[in-house]
Full PDB file with SEQRES, HELIX, SHEET, SSBOND, CRYST1, ORIGX, SCALE, CONECT and MASTER records, all heavy atoms in Angstrom:
SEQRES   1 A   44  GLY GLU LYS ALA PHE GLY LEU ASP SER ASN GLY ASP LEU          
SEQRES   2 A   44  THR LEU THR PHE LYS PRO VAL LEU LYS GLY TRP LEU PHE          
SEQRES   3 A   44  THR LYS ILE ALA LYS LYS ILE SER TYR PHE ASP GLY SER          
SEQRES   4 A   44  GLN LEU MET ASP VAL                                          
HELIX    1 AA1 GLY A   23  LEU A   25  5                                   3    
SHEET    1 AA1 2 PHE A   5  LEU A   7  0                                        
SHEET    2 AA1 2 LEU A  13  LEU A  15 -1                                        
SHEET    1 AA2 2 SER A  34  PHE A  36  0                                        
SHEET    2 AA2 2 LEU A  41  ASP A  43 -1                                        
CRYST1    1.000    1.000    1.000  90.00  90.00  90.00 P 1           1          
ORIGX1      1.000000  0.000000  0.000000        0.00000                         
ORIGX2      0.000000  1.000000  0.000000        0.00000                         
ORIGX3      0.000000  0.000000  1.000000        0.00000                         
SCALE1      1.000000  0.000000  0.000000        0.00000                         
SCALE2      0.000000  1.000000  0.000000        0.00000                         
SCALE3      0.000000  0.000000  1.000000        0.00000                         
ATOM      1  N   GLY A   1     -10.429  11.430 -13.951  1.00  0.00           N  
ATOM      2  CA  GLY A   1     -11.321  11.609 -15.083  1.00  0.00           C  
ATOM      3  C   GLY A   1     -11.534  13.077 -15.397  1.00  0.00           C  
ATOM      4  O   GLY A   1     -11.044  13.967 -14.706  1.00  0.00           O  
ATOM      5  N   GLU A   2     -12.278  13.317 -16.454  1.00  0.00           N  
ATOM      6  CA  GLU A   2     -12.507  14.682 -16.928  1.00  0.00           C  
ATOM      7  C   GLU A   2     -13.299  15.521 -15.931  1.00  0.00           C  
ATOM      8  O   GLU A   2     -13.077  16.706 -15.772  1.00  0.00           O  
ATOM      9  CB  GLU A   2     -13.250  14.636 -18.263  1.00  0.00           C  
ATOM     10  CG  GLU A   2     -13.389  15.968 -18.969  1.00  0.00           C  
ATOM     11  CD  GLU A   2     -12.106  16.445 -19.648  1.00  0.00           C  
ATOM     12  OE1 GLU A   2     -11.373  15.612 -20.181  1.00  0.00           O  
ATOM     13  OE2 GLU A   2     -11.859  17.661 -19.628  1.00  0.00           O  
ATOM     14  N   LYS A   3     -14.258  14.889 -15.252  1.00  0.00           N  
ATOM     15  CA  LYS A   3     -15.117  15.635 -14.327  1.00  0.00           C  
ATOM     16  C   LYS A   3     -15.485  14.738 -13.155  1.00  0.00           C  
ATOM     17  O   LYS A   3     -16.385  13.902 -13.257  1.00  0.00           O  
ATOM     18  CB  LYS A   3     -16.372  16.120 -15.045  1.00  0.00           C  
ATOM     19  CG  LYS A   3     -17.265  17.027 -14.202  1.00  0.00           C  
ATOM     20  CD  LYS A   3     -18.483  17.485 -14.994  1.00  0.00           C  
ATOM     21  CE  LYS A   3     -19.375  18.393 -14.153  1.00  0.00           C  
ATOM     22  NZ  LYS A   3     -20.586  18.816 -14.894  1.00  0.00           N  
ATOM     23  N   ALA A   4     -14.792  14.900 -12.038  1.00  0.00           N  
ATOM     24  CA  ALA A   4     -15.018  14.033 -10.881  1.00  0.00           C  
ATOM     25  C   ALA A   4     -16.333  14.364 -10.170  1.00  0.00           C  
ATOM     26  O   ALA A   4     -17.143  13.481  -9.889  1.00  0.00           O  
ATOM     27  CB  ALA A   4     -13.852  14.152  -9.905  1.00  0.00           C  
ATOM     28  N   PHE A   5     -16.539  15.628  -9.861  1.00  0.00           N  
ATOM     29  CA  PHE A   5     -17.758  16.040  -9.159  1.00  0.00           C  
ATOM     30  C   PHE A   5     -18.858  16.395 -10.154  1.00  0.00           C  
ATOM     31  O   PHE A   5     -18.602  16.966 -11.214  1.00  0.00           O  
ATOM     32  CB  PHE A   5     -17.482  17.252  -8.260  1.00  0.00           C  
ATOM     33  CG  PHE A   5     -16.686  16.928  -7.030  1.00  0.00           C  
ATOM     34  CD1 PHE A   5     -15.332  17.241  -6.956  1.00  0.00           C  
ATOM     35  CD2 PHE A   5     -17.276  16.295  -5.946  1.00  0.00           C  
ATOM     36  CE1 PHE A   5     -14.590  16.936  -5.825  1.00  0.00           C  
ATOM     37  CE2 PHE A   5     -16.551  15.988  -4.814  1.00  0.00           C  
ATOM     38  CZ  PHE A   5     -15.199  16.309  -4.748  1.00  0.00           C  
ATOM     39  N   GLY A   6     -20.085  16.037  -9.789  1.00  0.00           N  
ATOM     40  CA  GLY A   6     -21.219  16.352 -10.642  1.00  0.00           C  
ATOM     41  C   GLY A   6     -22.501  16.366  -9.828  1.00  0.00           C  
ATOM     42  O   GLY A   6     -22.465  16.332  -8.587  1.00  0.00           O  
ATOM     43  N   LEU A   7     -23.636  16.389 -10.506  1.00  0.00           N  
ATOM     44  CA  LEU A   7     -24.945  16.396  -9.853  1.00  0.00           C  
ATOM     45  C   LEU A   7     -25.769  15.236 -10.385  1.00  0.00           C  
ATOM     46  O   LEU A   7     -25.737  14.934 -11.580  1.00  0.00           O  
ATOM     47  CB  LEU A   7     -25.677  17.708 -10.111  1.00  0.00           C  
ATOM     48  CG  LEU A   7     -25.005  19.001  -9.623  1.00  0.00           C  
ATOM     49  CD1 LEU A   7     -25.824  20.217 -10.057  1.00  0.00           C  
ATOM     50  CD2 LEU A   7     -24.827  18.988  -8.108  1.00  0.00           C  
ATOM     51  N   ASP A   8     -26.518  14.590  -9.487  1.00  0.00           N  
ATOM     52  CA  ASP A   8     -27.398  13.515  -9.940  1.00  0.00           C  
ATOM     53  C   ASP A   8     -28.732  14.095 -10.404  1.00  0.00           C  
ATOM     54  O   ASP A   8     -28.903  15.324 -10.484  1.00  0.00           O  
ATOM     55  CB  ASP A   8     -27.593  12.468  -8.836  1.00  0.00           C  
ATOM     56  CG  ASP A   8     -28.266  13.030  -7.580  1.00  0.00           C  
ATOM     57  OD1 ASP A   8     -28.877  14.121  -7.653  1.00  0.00           O  
ATOM     58  OD2 ASP A   8     -28.194  12.376  -6.524  1.00  0.00           O  
ATOM     59  N   SER A   9     -29.700  13.226 -10.701  1.00  0.00           N  
ATOM     60  CA  SER A   9     -30.992  13.670 -11.232  1.00  0.00           C  
ATOM     61  C   SER A   9     -31.785  14.520 -10.245  1.00  0.00           C  
ATOM     62  O   SER A   9     -32.692  15.260 -10.637  1.00  0.00           O  
ATOM     63  CB  SER A   9     -31.832  12.449 -11.647  1.00  0.00           C  
ATOM     64  OG  SER A   9     -32.015  11.580 -10.545  1.00  0.00           O  
ATOM     65  N   ASN A  10     -31.432  14.414  -8.956  1.00  0.00           N  
ATOM     66  CA  ASN A  10     -32.112  15.219  -7.938  1.00  0.00           C  
ATOM     67  C   ASN A  10     -31.359  16.507  -7.612  1.00  0.00           C  
ATOM     68  O   ASN A  10     -31.778  17.266  -6.740  1.00  0.00           O  
ATOM     69  CB  ASN A  10     -32.276  14.398  -6.653  1.00  0.00           C  
ATOM     70  CG  ASN A  10     -33.164  13.188  -6.845  1.00  0.00           C  
ATOM     71  OD1 ASN A  10     -34.194  13.273  -7.520  1.00  0.00           O  
ATOM     72  ND2 ASN A  10     -32.772  12.060  -6.273  1.00  0.00           N  
ATOM     73  N   GLY A  11     -30.254  16.724  -8.299  1.00  0.00           N  
ATOM     74  CA  GLY A  11     -29.468  17.923  -8.048  1.00  0.00           C  
ATOM     75  C   GLY A  11     -28.508  17.786  -6.884  1.00  0.00           C  
ATOM     76  O   GLY A  11     -27.955  18.794  -6.419  1.00  0.00           O  
ATOM     77  N   ASP A  12     -28.304  16.553  -6.401  1.00  0.00           N  
ATOM     78  CA  ASP A  12     -27.386  16.319  -5.288  1.00  0.00           C  
ATOM     79  C   ASP A  12     -25.968  16.060  -5.788  1.00  0.00           C  
ATOM     80  O   ASP A  12     -25.772  15.480  -6.860  1.00  0.00           O  
ATOM     81  CB  ASP A  12     -27.850  15.116  -4.453  1.00  0.00           C  
ATOM     82  CG  ASP A  12     -29.144  15.405  -3.708  1.00  0.00           C  
ATOM     83  OD1 ASP A  12     -29.355  16.572  -3.319  1.00  0.00           O  
ATOM     84  OD2 ASP A  12     -29.955  14.464  -3.536  1.00  0.00           O  
ATOM     85  N   LEU A  13     -24.999  16.462  -4.981  1.00  0.00           N  
ATOM     86  CA  LEU A  13     -23.593  16.323  -5.343  1.00  0.00           C  
ATOM     87  C   LEU A  13     -23.176  14.853  -5.413  1.00  0.00           C  
ATOM     88  O   LEU A  13     -23.549  14.049  -4.564  1.00  0.00           O  
ATOM     89  CB  LEU A  13     -22.728  17.061  -4.328  1.00  0.00           C  
ATOM     90  CG  LEU A  13     -21.224  17.147  -4.620  1.00  0.00           C  
ATOM     91  CD1 LEU A  13     -20.971  18.047  -5.824  1.00  0.00           C  
ATOM     92  CD2 LEU A  13     -20.470  17.653  -3.394  1.00  0.00           C  
ATOM     93  N   THR A  14     -22.388  14.511  -6.418  1.00  0.00           N  
ATOM     94  CA  THR A  14     -21.828  13.166  -6.559  1.00  0.00           C  
ATOM     95  C   THR A  14     -20.330  13.267  -6.851  1.00  0.00           C  
ATOM     96  O   THR A  14     -19.843  14.293  -7.321  1.00  0.00           O  
ATOM     97  CB  THR A  14     -22.489  12.380  -7.704  1.00  0.00           C  
ATOM     98  OG1 THR A  14     -22.243  13.059  -8.942  1.00  0.00           O  
ATOM     99  CG2 THR A  14     -23.975  12.230  -7.481  1.00  0.00           C  
ATOM    100  N   LEU A  15     -19.631  12.189  -6.562  1.00  0.00           N  
ATOM    101  CA  LEU A  15     -18.212  12.074  -6.891  1.00  0.00           C  
ATOM    102  C   LEU A  15     -18.000  10.727  -7.560  1.00  0.00           C  
ATOM    103  O   LEU A  15     -18.323   9.686  -6.992  1.00  0.00           O  
ATOM    104  CB  LEU A  15     -17.340  12.185  -5.635  1.00  0.00           C  
ATOM    105  CG  LEU A  15     -15.847  11.861  -5.798  1.00  0.00           C  
ATOM    106  CD1 LEU A  15     -15.199  12.781  -6.822  1.00  0.00           C  
ATOM    107  CD2 LEU A  15     -15.135  11.968  -4.445  1.00  0.00           C  
ATOM    108  N   THR A  16     -17.479  10.754  -8.773  1.00  0.00           N  
ATOM    109  CA  THR A  16     -17.260   9.528  -9.531  1.00  0.00           C  
ATOM    110  C   THR A  16     -15.831   9.506 -10.059  1.00  0.00           C  
ATOM    111  O   THR A  16     -15.419  10.407 -10.792  1.00  0.00           O  
ATOM    112  CB  THR A  16     -18.239   9.418 -10.713  1.00  0.00           C  
ATOM    113  OG1 THR A  16     -19.581   9.548 -10.232  1.00  0.00           O  
ATOM    114  CG2 THR A  16     -18.076   8.091 -11.426  1.00  0.00           C  
ATOM    115  N   PHE A  17     -15.082   8.487  -9.677  1.00  0.00           N  
ATOM    116  CA  PHE A  17     -13.718   8.331 -10.169  1.00  0.00           C  
ATOM    117  C   PHE A  17     -13.746   7.546 -11.484  1.00  0.00           C  
ATOM    118  O   PHE A  17     -14.290   6.438 -11.548  1.00  0.00           O  
ATOM    119  CB  PHE A  17     -12.860   7.586  -9.146  1.00  0.00           C  
ATOM    120  CG  PHE A  17     -12.590   8.356  -7.888  1.00  0.00           C  
ATOM    121  CD1 PHE A  17     -13.142   7.962  -6.685  1.00  0.00           C  
ATOM    122  CD2 PHE A  17     -11.782   9.491  -7.913  1.00  0.00           C  
ATOM    123  CE1 PHE A  17     -12.891   8.664  -5.515  1.00  0.00           C  
ATOM    124  CE2 PHE A  17     -11.529  10.210  -6.753  1.00  0.00           C  
ATOM    125  CZ  PHE A  17     -12.084   9.806  -5.559  1.00  0.00           C  
ATOM    126  N   LYS A  18     -13.190   8.138 -12.528  1.00  0.00           N  
ATOM    127  CA  LYS A  18     -13.067   7.477 -13.827  1.00  0.00           C  
ATOM    128  C   LYS A  18     -11.625   7.610 -14.321  1.00  0.00           C  
ATOM    129  O   LYS A  18     -11.340   8.320 -15.291  1.00  0.00           O  
ATOM    130  CB  LYS A  18     -14.040   8.081 -14.838  1.00  0.00           C  
ATOM    131  CG  LYS A  18     -15.509   7.830 -14.513  1.00  0.00           C  
ATOM    132  CD  LYS A  18     -16.419   8.418 -15.586  1.00  0.00           C  
ATOM    133  CE  LYS A  18     -17.882   8.128 -15.271  1.00  0.00           C  
ATOM    134  NZ  LYS A  18     -18.778   8.705 -16.314  1.00  0.00           N  
ATOM    135  N   PRO A  19     -10.697   6.930 -13.645  1.00  0.00           N  
ATOM    136  CA  PRO A  19      -9.283   7.076 -14.011  1.00  0.00           C  
ATOM    137  C   PRO A  19      -8.964   6.481 -15.369  1.00  0.00           C  
ATOM    138  O   PRO A  19      -9.646   5.556 -15.837  1.00  0.00           O  
ATOM    139  CB  PRO A  19      -8.564   6.316 -12.894  1.00  0.00           C  
ATOM    140  CG  PRO A  19      -9.553   5.303 -12.431  1.00  0.00           C  
ATOM    141  CD  PRO A  19     -10.894   5.984 -12.525  1.00  0.00           C  
ATOM    142  N   VAL A  20      -7.941   7.027 -15.987  1.00  0.00           N  
ATOM    143  CA  VAL A  20      -7.445   6.519 -17.270  1.00  0.00           C  
ATOM    144  C   VAL A  20      -6.006   6.059 -17.030  1.00  0.00           C  
ATOM    145  O   VAL A  20      -5.045   6.794 -17.272  1.00  0.00           O  
ATOM    146  CB  VAL A  20      -7.500   7.608 -18.364  1.00  0.00           C  
ATOM    147  CG1 VAL A  20      -7.046   7.036 -19.704  1.00  0.00           C  
ATOM    148  CG2 VAL A  20      -8.901   8.191 -18.476  1.00  0.00           C  
ATOM    149  N   LEU A  21      -5.865   4.844 -16.521  1.00  0.00           N  
ATOM    150  CA  LEU A  21      -4.556   4.352 -16.087  1.00  0.00           C  
ATOM    151  C   LEU A  21      -4.230   3.018 -16.744  1.00  0.00           C  
ATOM    152  O   LEU A  21      -5.053   2.113 -16.789  1.00  0.00           O  
ATOM    153  CB  LEU A  21      -4.536   4.168 -14.560  1.00  0.00           C  
ATOM    154  CG  LEU A  21      -4.787   5.413 -13.713  1.00  0.00           C  
ATOM    155  CD1 LEU A  21      -4.970   5.025 -12.257  1.00  0.00           C  
ATOM    156  CD2 LEU A  21      -3.641   6.406 -13.867  1.00  0.00           C  
ATOM    157  N   LYS A  22      -2.997   2.906 -17.232  1.00  0.00           N  
ATOM    158  CA  LYS A  22      -2.512   1.633 -17.752  1.00  0.00           C  
ATOM    159  C   LYS A  22      -2.190   0.701 -16.588  1.00  0.00           C  
ATOM    160  O   LYS A  22      -1.790   1.138 -15.511  1.00  0.00           O  
ATOM    161  CB  LYS A  22      -1.255   1.834 -18.600  1.00  0.00           C  
ATOM    162  CG  LYS A  22      -1.499   2.480 -19.941  1.00  0.00           C  
ATOM    163  CD  LYS A  22      -2.237   1.546 -20.903  1.00  0.00           C  
ATOM    164  CE  LYS A  22      -1.373   0.426 -21.414  1.00  0.00           C  
ATOM    165  NZ  LYS A  22      -2.075  -0.430 -22.410  1.00  0.00           N  
ATOM    166  N   GLY A  23      -2.332  -0.577 -16.826  1.00  0.00           N  
ATOM    167  CA  GLY A  23      -2.087  -1.552 -15.780  1.00  0.00           C  
ATOM    168  C   GLY A  23      -0.674  -1.506 -15.223  1.00  0.00           C  
ATOM    169  O   GLY A  23      -0.459  -1.763 -14.036  1.00  0.00           O  
ATOM    170  N   TRP A  24       0.306  -1.150 -16.059  1.00  0.00           N  
ATOM    171  CA  TRP A  24       1.695  -1.140 -15.586  1.00  0.00           C  
ATOM    172  C   TRP A  24       1.973  -0.008 -14.597  1.00  0.00           C  
ATOM    173  O   TRP A  24       3.023  -0.005 -13.940  1.00  0.00           O  
ATOM    174  CB  TRP A  24       2.680  -1.094 -16.755  1.00  0.00           C  
ATOM    175  CG  TRP A  24       2.559   0.070 -17.689  1.00  0.00           C  
ATOM    176  CD1 TRP A  24       1.945   0.086 -18.909  1.00  0.00           C  
ATOM    177  CD2 TRP A  24       3.095   1.389 -17.511  1.00  0.00           C  
ATOM    178  NE1 TRP A  24       2.051   1.325 -19.493  1.00  0.00           N  
ATOM    179  CE2 TRP A  24       2.755   2.140 -18.660  1.00  0.00           C  
ATOM    180  CE3 TRP A  24       3.827   2.006 -16.503  1.00  0.00           C  
ATOM    181  CZ2 TRP A  24       3.120   3.478 -18.813  1.00  0.00           C  
ATOM    182  CZ3 TRP A  24       4.191   3.340 -16.657  1.00  0.00           C  
ATOM    183  CH2 TRP A  24       3.833   4.055 -17.801  1.00  0.00           C  
ATOM    184  N   LEU A  25       1.055   0.929 -14.459  1.00  0.00           N  
ATOM    185  CA  LEU A  25       1.241   2.015 -13.487  1.00  0.00           C  
ATOM    186  C   LEU A  25       0.961   1.557 -12.053  1.00  0.00           C  
ATOM    187  O   LEU A  25       1.331   2.249 -11.100  1.00  0.00           O  
ATOM    188  CB  LEU A  25       0.336   3.199 -13.838  1.00  0.00           C  
ATOM    189  CG  LEU A  25       0.792   4.061 -15.022  1.00  0.00           C  
ATOM    190  CD1 LEU A  25      -0.329   4.992 -15.464  1.00  0.00           C  
ATOM    191  CD2 LEU A  25       2.028   4.861 -14.657  1.00  0.00           C  
ATOM    192  N   PHE A  26       0.319   0.409 -11.900  1.00  0.00           N  
ATOM    193  CA  PHE A  26       0.052  -0.115 -10.563  1.00  0.00           C  
ATOM    194  C   PHE A  26       1.284  -0.868 -10.056  1.00  0.00           C  
ATOM    195  O   PHE A  26       1.995  -1.508 -10.823  1.00  0.00           O  
ATOM    196  CB  PHE A  26      -1.173  -1.037 -10.596  1.00  0.00           C  
ATOM    197  CG  PHE A  26      -2.460  -0.312 -10.850  1.00  0.00           C  
ATOM    198  CD1 PHE A  26      -2.844   0.031 -12.138  1.00  0.00           C  
ATOM    199  CD2 PHE A  26      -3.289   0.050  -9.799  1.00  0.00           C  
ATOM    200  CE1 PHE A  26      -4.021   0.720 -12.382  1.00  0.00           C  
ATOM    201  CE2 PHE A  26      -4.474   0.744 -10.024  1.00  0.00           C  
ATOM    202  CZ  PHE A  26      -4.837   1.084 -11.317  1.00  0.00           C  
ATOM    203  N   THR A  27       1.526  -0.778  -8.755  1.00  0.00           N  
ATOM    204  CA  THR A  27       2.731  -1.350  -8.176  1.00  0.00           C  
ATOM    205  C   THR A  27       2.740  -2.877  -8.272  1.00  0.00           C  
ATOM    206  O   THR A  27       1.697  -3.523  -8.194  1.00  0.00           O  
ATOM    207  CB  THR A  27       2.870  -0.962  -6.694  1.00  0.00           C  
ATOM    208  OG1 THR A  27       1.733  -1.472  -5.971  1.00  0.00           O  
ATOM    209  CG2 THR A  27       2.927   0.542  -6.527  1.00  0.00           C  
ATOM    210  N   LYS A  28       3.947  -3.420  -8.411  1.00  0.00           N  
ATOM    211  CA  LYS A  28       4.120  -4.876  -8.420  1.00  0.00           C  
ATOM    212  C   LYS A  28       4.464  -5.404  -7.028  1.00  0.00           C  
ATOM    213  O   LYS A  28       4.306  -6.588  -6.758  1.00  0.00           O  
ATOM    214  CB  LYS A  28       5.216  -5.267  -9.400  1.00  0.00           C  
ATOM    215  CG  LYS A  28       4.872  -5.039 -10.860  1.00  0.00           C  
ATOM    216  CD  LYS A  28       6.001  -5.515 -11.752  1.00  0.00           C  
ATOM    217  CE  LYS A  28       5.663  -5.328 -13.222  1.00  0.00           C  
ATOM    218  NZ  LYS A  28       6.764  -5.793 -14.102  1.00  0.00           N  
ATOM    219  N   ILE A  29       4.964  -4.522  -6.166  1.00  0.00           N  
ATOM    220  CA  ILE A  29       5.346  -4.912  -4.807  1.00  0.00           C  
ATOM    221  C   ILE A  29       4.781  -3.891  -3.821  1.00  0.00           C  
ATOM    222  O   ILE A  29       4.402  -2.783  -4.210  1.00  0.00           O  
ATOM    223  CB  ILE A  29       6.880  -4.992  -4.647  1.00  0.00           C  
ATOM    224  CG1 ILE A  29       7.515  -3.627  -4.950  1.00  0.00           C  
ATOM    225  CG2 ILE A  29       7.464  -6.082  -5.546  1.00  0.00           C  
ATOM    226  CD1 ILE A  29       8.997  -3.566  -4.676  1.00  0.00           C  
ATOM    227  N   ALA A  30       4.743  -4.276  -2.549  1.00  0.00           N  
ATOM    228  CA  ALA A  30       4.299  -3.340  -1.506  1.00  0.00           C  
ATOM    229  C   ALA A  30       5.313  -2.198  -1.389  1.00  0.00           C  
ATOM    230  O   ALA A  30       6.515  -2.411  -1.552  1.00  0.00           O  
ATOM    231  CB  ALA A  30       4.174  -4.073  -0.176  1.00  0.00           C  
ATOM    232  N   LYS A  31       4.822  -1.000  -1.105  1.00  0.00           N  
ATOM    233  CA  LYS A  31       5.702   0.161  -1.036  1.00  0.00           C  
ATOM    234  C   LYS A  31       5.312   1.093   0.098  1.00  0.00           C  
ATOM    235  O   LYS A  31       4.154   1.136   0.516  1.00  0.00           O  
ATOM    236  CB  LYS A  31       5.662   0.942  -2.357  1.00  0.00           C  
ATOM    237  CG  LYS A  31       6.377   0.280  -3.509  1.00  0.00           C  
ATOM    238  CD  LYS A  31       6.492   1.225  -4.692  1.00  0.00           C  
ATOM    239  CE  LYS A  31       7.318   0.611  -5.802  1.00  0.00           C  
ATOM    240  NZ  LYS A  31       7.521   1.556  -6.929  1.00  0.00           N  
ATOM    241  N   LYS A  32       6.305   1.833   0.573  1.00  0.00           N  
ATOM    242  CA  LYS A  32       6.065   2.903   1.532  1.00  0.00           C  
ATOM    243  C   LYS A  32       6.109   4.229   0.784  1.00  0.00           C  
ATOM    244  O   LYS A  32       6.991   4.458  -0.023  1.00  0.00           O  
ATOM    245  CB  LYS A  32       7.109   2.884   2.644  1.00  0.00           C  
ATOM    246  CG  LYS A  32       6.995   1.696   3.586  1.00  0.00           C  
ATOM    247  CD  LYS A  32       8.018   1.789   4.712  1.00  0.00           C  
ATOM    248  CE  LYS A  32       7.864   0.618   5.684  1.00  0.00           C  
ATOM    249  NZ  LYS A  32       8.847   0.705   6.800  1.00  0.00           N  
ATOM    250  N   ILE A  33       5.136   5.103   1.054  1.00  0.00           N  
ATOM    251  CA  ILE A  33       5.096   6.401   0.390  1.00  0.00           C  
ATOM    252  C   ILE A  33       4.892   7.503   1.431  1.00  0.00           C  
ATOM    253  O   ILE A  33       4.523   7.238   2.580  1.00  0.00           O  
ATOM    254  CB  ILE A  33       3.960   6.483  -0.651  1.00  0.00           C  
ATOM    255  CG1 ILE A  33       2.590   6.418   0.053  1.00  0.00           C  
ATOM    256  CG2 ILE A  33       4.095   5.399  -1.691  1.00  0.00           C  
ATOM    257  CD1 ILE A  33       1.445   6.846  -0.838  1.00  0.00           C  
ATOM    258  N   SER A  34       5.135   8.723   1.019  1.00  0.00           N  
ATOM    259  CA  SER A  34       4.853   9.898   1.844  1.00  0.00           C  
ATOM    260  C   SER A  34       3.885  10.784   1.091  1.00  0.00           C  
ATOM    261  O   SER A  34       3.994  10.945  -0.118  1.00  0.00           O  
ATOM    262  CB  SER A  34       6.141  10.665   2.150  1.00  0.00           C  
ATOM    263  OG  SER A  34       7.042   9.886   2.900  1.00  0.00           O  
ATOM    264  N   TYR A  35       2.914  11.329   1.812  1.00  0.00           N  
ATOM    265  CA  TYR A  35       1.982  12.257   1.186  1.00  0.00           C  
ATOM    266  C   TYR A  35       1.633  13.360   2.182  1.00  0.00           C  
ATOM    267  O   TYR A  35       1.773  13.196   3.397  1.00  0.00           O  
ATOM    268  CB  TYR A  35       0.716  11.544   0.704  1.00  0.00           C  
ATOM    269  CG  TYR A  35      -0.307  11.262   1.783  1.00  0.00           C  
ATOM    270  CD1 TYR A  35      -1.422  12.077   1.947  1.00  0.00           C  
ATOM    271  CD2 TYR A  35      -0.158  10.176   2.643  1.00  0.00           C  
ATOM    272  CE1 TYR A  35      -2.356  11.842   2.942  1.00  0.00           C  
ATOM    273  CE2 TYR A  35      -1.100   9.922   3.639  1.00  0.00           C  
ATOM    274  CZ  TYR A  35      -2.180  10.756   3.782  1.00  0.00           C  
ATOM    275  OH  TYR A  35      -3.105  10.526   4.765  1.00  0.00           O  
ATOM    276  N   PHE A  36       1.176  14.493   1.659  1.00  0.00           N  
ATOM    277  CA  PHE A  36       0.829  15.647   2.486  1.00  0.00           C  
ATOM    278  C   PHE A  36      -0.646  15.586   2.837  1.00  0.00           C  
ATOM    279  O   PHE A  36      -1.504  15.532   1.959  1.00  0.00           O  
ATOM    280  CB  PHE A  36       1.135  16.940   1.726  1.00  0.00           C  
ATOM    281  CG  PHE A  36       0.929  18.186   2.534  1.00  0.00           C  
ATOM    282  CD1 PHE A  36       1.752  18.485   3.604  1.00  0.00           C  
ATOM    283  CD2 PHE A  36      -0.095  19.065   2.219  1.00  0.00           C  
ATOM    284  CE1 PHE A  36       1.559  19.638   4.352  1.00  0.00           C  
ATOM    285  CE2 PHE A  36      -0.291  20.220   2.952  1.00  0.00           C  
ATOM    286  CZ  PHE A  36       0.543  20.507   4.029  1.00  0.00           C  
ATOM    287  N   ASP A  37      -0.960  15.556   4.139  1.00  0.00           N  
ATOM    288  CA  ASP A  37      -2.360  15.421   4.568  1.00  0.00           C  
ATOM    289  C   ASP A  37      -3.032  16.759   4.846  1.00  0.00           C  
ATOM    290  O   ASP A  37      -4.106  16.809   5.449  1.00  0.00           O  
ATOM    291  CB  ASP A  37      -2.448  14.533   5.807  1.00  0.00           C  
ATOM    292  CG  ASP A  37      -1.897  15.207   7.065  1.00  0.00           C  
ATOM    293  OD1 ASP A  37      -1.240  16.267   6.949  1.00  0.00           O  
ATOM    294  OD2 ASP A  37      -2.130  14.682   8.178  1.00  0.00           O  
ATOM    295  N   GLY A  38      -2.409  17.838   4.398  1.00  0.00           N  
ATOM    296  CA  GLY A  38      -2.958  19.170   4.618  1.00  0.00           C  
ATOM    297  C   GLY A  38      -2.216  19.948   5.671  1.00  0.00           C  
ATOM    298  O   GLY A  38      -2.273  21.179   5.694  1.00  0.00           O  
ATOM    299  N   SER A  39      -1.493  19.231   6.538  1.00  0.00           N  
ATOM    300  CA  SER A  39      -0.736  19.905   7.592  1.00  0.00           C  
ATOM    301  C   SER A  39       0.689  19.381   7.732  1.00  0.00           C  
ATOM    302  O   SER A  39       1.580  20.101   8.144  1.00  0.00           O  
ATOM    303  CB  SER A  39      -1.461  19.767   8.938  1.00  0.00           C  
ATOM    304  OG  SER A  39      -1.602  18.402   9.303  1.00  0.00           O  
ATOM    305  N   GLN A  40       0.889  18.104   7.361  1.00  0.00           N  
ATOM    306  CA  GLN A  40       2.221  17.515   7.508  1.00  0.00           C  
ATOM    307  C   GLN A  40       2.387  16.329   6.566  1.00  0.00           C  
ATOM    308  O   GLN A  40       1.417  15.815   6.012  1.00  0.00           O  
ATOM    309  CB  GLN A  40       2.436  17.053   8.949  1.00  0.00           C  
ATOM    310  CG  GLN A  40       1.447  15.983   9.394  1.00  0.00           C  
ATOM    311  CD  GLN A  40       1.635  15.559  10.835  1.00  0.00           C  
ATOM    312  OE1 GLN A  40       2.720  15.656  11.381  1.00  0.00           O  
ATOM    313  NE2 GLN A  40       0.565  15.074  11.458  1.00  0.00           N  
ATOM    314  N   LEU A  41       3.643  15.906   6.384  1.00  0.00           N  
ATOM    315  CA  LEU A  41       3.917  14.729   5.577  1.00  0.00           C  
ATOM    316  C   LEU A  41       3.597  13.477   6.385  1.00  0.00           C  
ATOM    317  O   LEU A  41       3.985  13.357   7.549  1.00  0.00           O  
ATOM    318  CB  LEU A  41       5.378  14.702   5.134  1.00  0.00           C  
ATOM    319  CG  LEU A  41       5.754  15.564   3.929  1.00  0.00           C  
ATOM    320  CD1 LEU A  41       7.258  15.504   3.694  1.00  0.00           C  
ATOM    321  CD2 LEU A  41       5.009  15.114   2.679  1.00  0.00           C  
ATOM    322  N   MET A  42       2.902  12.549   5.769  1.00  0.00           N  
ATOM    323  CA  MET A  42       2.529  11.304   6.413  1.00  0.00           C  
ATOM    324  C   MET A  42       3.173  10.140   5.672  1.00  0.00           C  
ATOM    325  O   MET A  42       3.195  10.100   4.438  1.00  0.00           O  
ATOM    326  CB  MET A  42       1.014  11.140   6.404  1.00  0.00           C  
ATOM    327  CG  MET A  42       0.252  12.255   7.113  1.00  0.00           C  
ATOM    328  SD  MET A  42       0.484  12.219   8.904  1.00  0.00           S  
ATOM    329  CE  MET A  42      -0.410  10.720   9.313  1.00  0.00           C  
ATOM    330  N   ASP A  43       3.702   9.181   6.422  1.00  0.00           N  
ATOM    331  CA  ASP A  43       4.268   7.969   5.839  1.00  0.00           C  
ATOM    332  C   ASP A  43       3.262   6.837   5.954  1.00  0.00           C  
ATOM    333  O   ASP A  43       2.734   6.575   7.040  1.00  0.00           O  
ATOM    334  CB  ASP A  43       5.564   7.587   6.553  1.00  0.00           C  
ATOM    335  CG  ASP A  43       6.661   8.621   6.368  1.00  0.00           C  
ATOM    336  OD1 ASP A  43       6.736   9.183   5.258  1.00  0.00           O  
ATOM    337  OD2 ASP A  43       7.429   8.852   7.314  1.00  0.00           O  
ATOM    338  N   VAL A  44       2.984   6.176   4.839  1.00  0.00           N  
ATOM    339  CA  VAL A  44       2.044   5.061   4.846  1.00  0.00           C  
ATOM    340  C   VAL A  44       2.618   3.910   4.025  1.00  0.00           C  
ATOM    341  O   VAL A  44       3.432   4.107   3.122  1.00  0.00           O  
ATOM    342  CB  VAL A  44       0.661   5.457   4.266  1.00  0.00           C  
ATOM    343  CG1 VAL A  44      -0.011   6.506   5.127  1.00  0.00           C  
ATOM    344  CG2 VAL A  44       0.796   5.950   2.839  1.00  0.00           C  
TER     345      VAL A  44                                                      
MASTER        0    0    0    1    4    0    0    6  344    1    0    4          
END                                                                             
């Protein structure tokens, strides 16, 4: 979304996901992926 992090009425930090995704972008089958966890590539 346009702004993930924000502040609530008390001034506390919040995180709100507001993705703009078409349904066809979601997988139709189970998949294995690799991503970087900050130190190394991880397979999930």
